[in-house]
Amino acid sequence: MIVISGTFTVDPADREAFLTAAKAVMADTLLEAGCHAYCFSPSVTDPAVVHLFEKWDSEDALGPHMKTDHIRAFGRALKDLKVLGREISMYEVASEKKM
C-alpha cells in the first residue's frame, strides 16, 4: 500500500479557488482503480494551508493517475493561483491496523 501525505501553502486570497479545483480532482480520482482515499482538507488553524492525503493499492495503481485528464486540469487550475509551496511525501506501508 502507498500513502501520500502533504501540504500545499496557498495565498489565502486563492484558498477558495484552490479548494474548488481540489473538489473536482477528488471526485474523479476516487473513481480510479486502486484508489482508497484522496482528500484535500483545509487547515482549521492556518488559512494558507491545505492538507493532502491519499491511499493507493500500489505505485502501479498510482502511476496512471498522474496521467489523467483530471490531474492535468488540476495542474492548469493551479497555474492561475498563488501556490506558495508544497511538501508531499510518499510512504510504502507494510501493514495497516484499525484503531
C-alpha atoms as a PDB file:
ATOM      1  CA  MET A   1       0.000   0.000   0.000  1.00  0.00           C
ATOM      2  CA  ILE A   2       1.102   3.557  -0.757  1.00  0.00           C
ATOM      3  CA  VAL A   3       0.166   6.562   1.375  1.00  0.00           C
ATOM      4  CA  ILE A   4       0.799  10.084   0.183  1.00  0.00           C
ATOM      5  CA  SER A   5       0.616  12.935   2.654  1.00  0.00           C
ATOM      6  CA  GLY A   6       1.474  16.565   2.323  1.00  0.00           C
ATOM      7  CA  THR A   7       0.572  20.206   2.433  1.00  0.00           C
ATOM      8  CA  PHE A   8       0.051  22.978  -0.058  1.00  0.00           C
ATOM      9  CA  THR A   9       0.652  26.551   1.034  1.00  0.00           C
ATOM     10  CA  VAL A  10      -1.728  28.830  -0.843  1.00  0.00           C
ATOM     11  CA  ASP A  11      -2.255  32.573  -0.744  1.00  0.00           C
ATOM     12  CA  PRO A  12      -5.350  32.870   1.475  1.00  0.00           C
ATOM     13  CA  ALA A  13      -6.959  35.018  -1.245  1.00  0.00           C
ATOM     14  CA  ASP A  14      -6.785  31.966  -3.559  1.00  0.00           C
ATOM     15  CA  ARG A  15      -7.859  29.368  -0.992  1.00  0.00           C
ATOM     16  CA  GLU A  16     -11.458  29.032  -2.208  1.00  0.00           C
ATOM     17  CA  ALA A  17     -10.374  28.707  -5.843  1.00  0.00           C
ATOM     18  CA  PHE A  18      -7.820  26.073  -4.812  1.00  0.00           C
ATOM     19  CA  LEU A  19     -10.481  24.129  -2.902  1.00  0.00           C
ATOM     20  CA  THR A  20     -12.880  24.313  -5.856  1.00  0.00           C
ATOM     21  CA  ALA A  21     -10.216  22.786  -8.120  1.00  0.00           C
ATOM     22  CA  ALA A  22      -9.409  20.227  -5.423  1.00  0.00           C
ATOM     23  CA  LYS A  23     -13.054  19.121  -5.154  1.00  0.00           C
ATOM     24  CA  ALA A  24     -13.175  18.401  -8.875  1.00  0.00           C
ATOM     25  CA  VAL A  25      -9.974  16.345  -8.908  1.00  0.00           C
ATOM     26  CA  MET A  26     -11.027  14.493  -5.732  1.00  0.00           C
ATOM     27  CA  ALA A  27     -14.328  13.352  -7.251  1.00  0.00           C
ATOM     28  CA  ASP A  28     -12.688  11.913 -10.372  1.00  0.00           C
ATOM     29  CA  THR A  29      -9.703  10.413  -8.561  1.00  0.00           C
ATOM     30  CA  LEU A  30     -11.858   8.488  -6.096  1.00  0.00           C
ATOM     31  CA  LEU A  31     -13.303   6.589  -9.077  1.00  0.00           C
ATOM     32  CA  GLU A  32      -9.883   5.322 -10.167  1.00  0.00           C
ATOM     33  CA  ALA A  33      -8.895   1.685  -9.722  1.00  0.00           C
ATOM     34  CA  GLY A  34      -6.630   1.183  -6.729  1.00  0.00           C
ATOM     35  CA  CYS A  35      -7.538   4.461  -5.013  1.00  0.00           C
ATOM     36  CA  HIS A  36      -8.854   4.039  -1.458  1.00  0.00           C
ATOM     37  CA  ALA A  37      -8.614   7.658  -0.280  1.00  0.00           C
ATOM     38  CA  TYR A  38      -7.917  11.002  -1.898  1.00  0.00           C
ATOM     39  CA  CYS A  39      -8.667  14.102   0.126  1.00  0.00           C
ATOM     40  CA  PHE A  40      -7.718  17.749   0.272  1.00  0.00           C
ATOM     41  CA  SER A  41      -8.538  19.314   3.654  1.00  0.00           C
ATOM     42  CA  PRO A  42      -8.170  22.985   4.544  1.00  0.00           C
ATOM     43  CA  SER A  43      -6.339  23.641   7.793  1.00  0.00           C
ATOM     44  CA  VAL A  44      -8.591  24.816  10.601  1.00  0.00           C
ATOM     45  CA  THR A  45      -5.775  26.926  12.088  1.00  0.00           C
ATOM     46  CA  ASP A  46      -3.919  28.358   9.076  1.00  0.00           C
ATOM     47  CA  PRO A  47      -5.837  29.863   6.130  1.00  0.00           C
ATOM     48  CA  ALA A  48      -2.816  29.360   3.871  1.00  0.00           C
ATOM     49  CA  VAL A  49      -2.537  25.582   4.371  1.00  0.00           C
ATOM     50  CA  VAL A  50      -4.379  22.770   2.617  1.00  0.00           C
ATOM     51  CA  HIS A  51      -3.537  19.187   3.561  1.00  0.00           C
ATOM     52  CA  LEU A  52      -3.432  16.263   1.125  1.00  0.00           C
ATOM     53  CA  PHE A  53      -3.991  12.606   1.990  1.00  0.00           C
ATOM     54  CA  GLU A  54      -4.043   9.709  -0.484  1.00  0.00           C
ATOM     55  CA  LYS A  55      -4.092   5.927  -0.133  1.00  0.00           C
ATOM     56  CA  TRP A  56      -3.414   3.624  -3.095  1.00  0.00           C
ATOM     57  CA  ASP A  57      -3.033  -0.133  -3.613  1.00  0.00           C
ATOM     58  CA  SER A  58       0.452   0.324  -5.071  1.00  0.00           C
ATOM     59  CA  GLU A  59       2.727   2.573  -7.085  1.00  0.00           C
ATOM     60  CA  ASP A  60       1.455   0.707 -10.147  1.00  0.00           C
ATOM     61  CA  ALA A  61      -2.062   1.941  -9.324  1.00  0.00           C
ATOM     62  CA  LEU A  62      -0.791   5.463  -8.663  1.00  0.00           C
ATOM     63  CA  GLY A  63       1.146   5.738 -11.933  1.00  0.00           C
ATOM     64  CA  PRO A  64      -1.822   6.057 -14.315  1.00  0.00           C
ATOM     65  CA  HIS A  65      -3.410   8.633 -12.004  1.00  0.00           C
ATOM     66  CA  MET A  66      -0.624  11.089 -12.743  1.00  0.00           C
ATOM     67  CA  LYS A  67      -1.505  10.984 -16.470  1.00  0.00           C
ATOM     68  CA  THR A  68      -5.266  11.502 -16.192  1.00  0.00           C
ATOM     69  CA  ASP A  69      -7.174  14.406 -17.685  1.00  0.00           C
ATOM     70  CA  HIS A  70      -8.385  15.476 -14.246  1.00  0.00           C
ATOM     71  CA  ILE A  71      -4.833  15.737 -12.890  1.00  0.00           C
ATOM     72  CA  ARG A  72      -3.841  17.807 -15.924  1.00  0.00           C
ATOM     73  CA  ALA A  73      -6.885  20.052 -15.371  1.00  0.00           C
ATOM     74  CA  PHE A  74      -5.947  20.449 -11.699  1.00  0.00           C
ATOM     75  CA  GLY A  75      -2.422  21.450 -12.693  1.00  0.00           C
ATOM     76  CA  ARG A  76      -3.782  24.037 -15.131  1.00  0.00           C
ATOM     77  CA  ALA A  77      -6.063  25.441 -12.420  1.00  0.00           C
ATOM     78  CA  LEU A  78      -3.133  25.802 -10.022  1.00  0.00           C
ATOM     79  CA  LYS A  79      -1.163  27.849 -12.559  1.00  0.00           C
ATOM     80  CA  ASP A  80      -3.680  30.663 -12.128  1.00  0.00           C
ATOM     81  CA  LEU A  81      -3.324  30.635  -8.315  1.00  0.00           C
ATOM     82  CA  LYS A  82      -0.616  31.705  -5.905  1.00  0.00           C
ATOM     83  CA  VAL A  83       0.605  28.358  -4.638  1.00  0.00           C
ATOM     84  CA  LEU A  84       3.447  29.428  -2.374  1.00  0.00           C
ATOM     85  CA  GLY A  85       4.771  25.964  -1.675  1.00  0.00           C
ATOM     86  CA  ARG A  86       4.084  22.288  -1.450  1.00  0.00           C
ATOM     87  CA  GLU A  87       5.591  19.493   0.554  1.00  0.00           C
ATOM     88  CA  ILE A  88       4.421  15.992  -0.354  1.00  0.00           C
ATOM     89  CA  SER A  89       5.814  12.628   0.755  1.00  0.00           C
ATOM     90  CA  MET A  90       5.055   9.066  -0.306  1.00  0.00           C
ATOM     91  CA  TYR A  91       5.169   6.200   2.163  1.00  0.00           C
ATOM     92  CA  GLU A  92       5.252   2.473   1.488  1.00  0.00           C
ATOM     93  CA  VAL A  93       3.095   0.847   4.146  1.00  0.00           C
ATOM     94  CA  ALA A  94       3.735  -2.784   5.042  1.00  0.00           C
ATOM     95  CA  SER A  95       0.622  -3.252   7.163  1.00  0.00           C
ATOM     96  CA  GLU A  96      -2.428  -1.450   8.451  1.00  0.00           C
ATOM     97  CA  LYS A  97      -4.243  -1.890  11.751  1.00  0.00           C
ATOM     98  CA  LYS A  98      -7.582  -0.268  12.535  1.00  0.00           C
ATOM     99  CA  MET A  99      -7.721   1.681  15.782  1.00  0.00           C
END
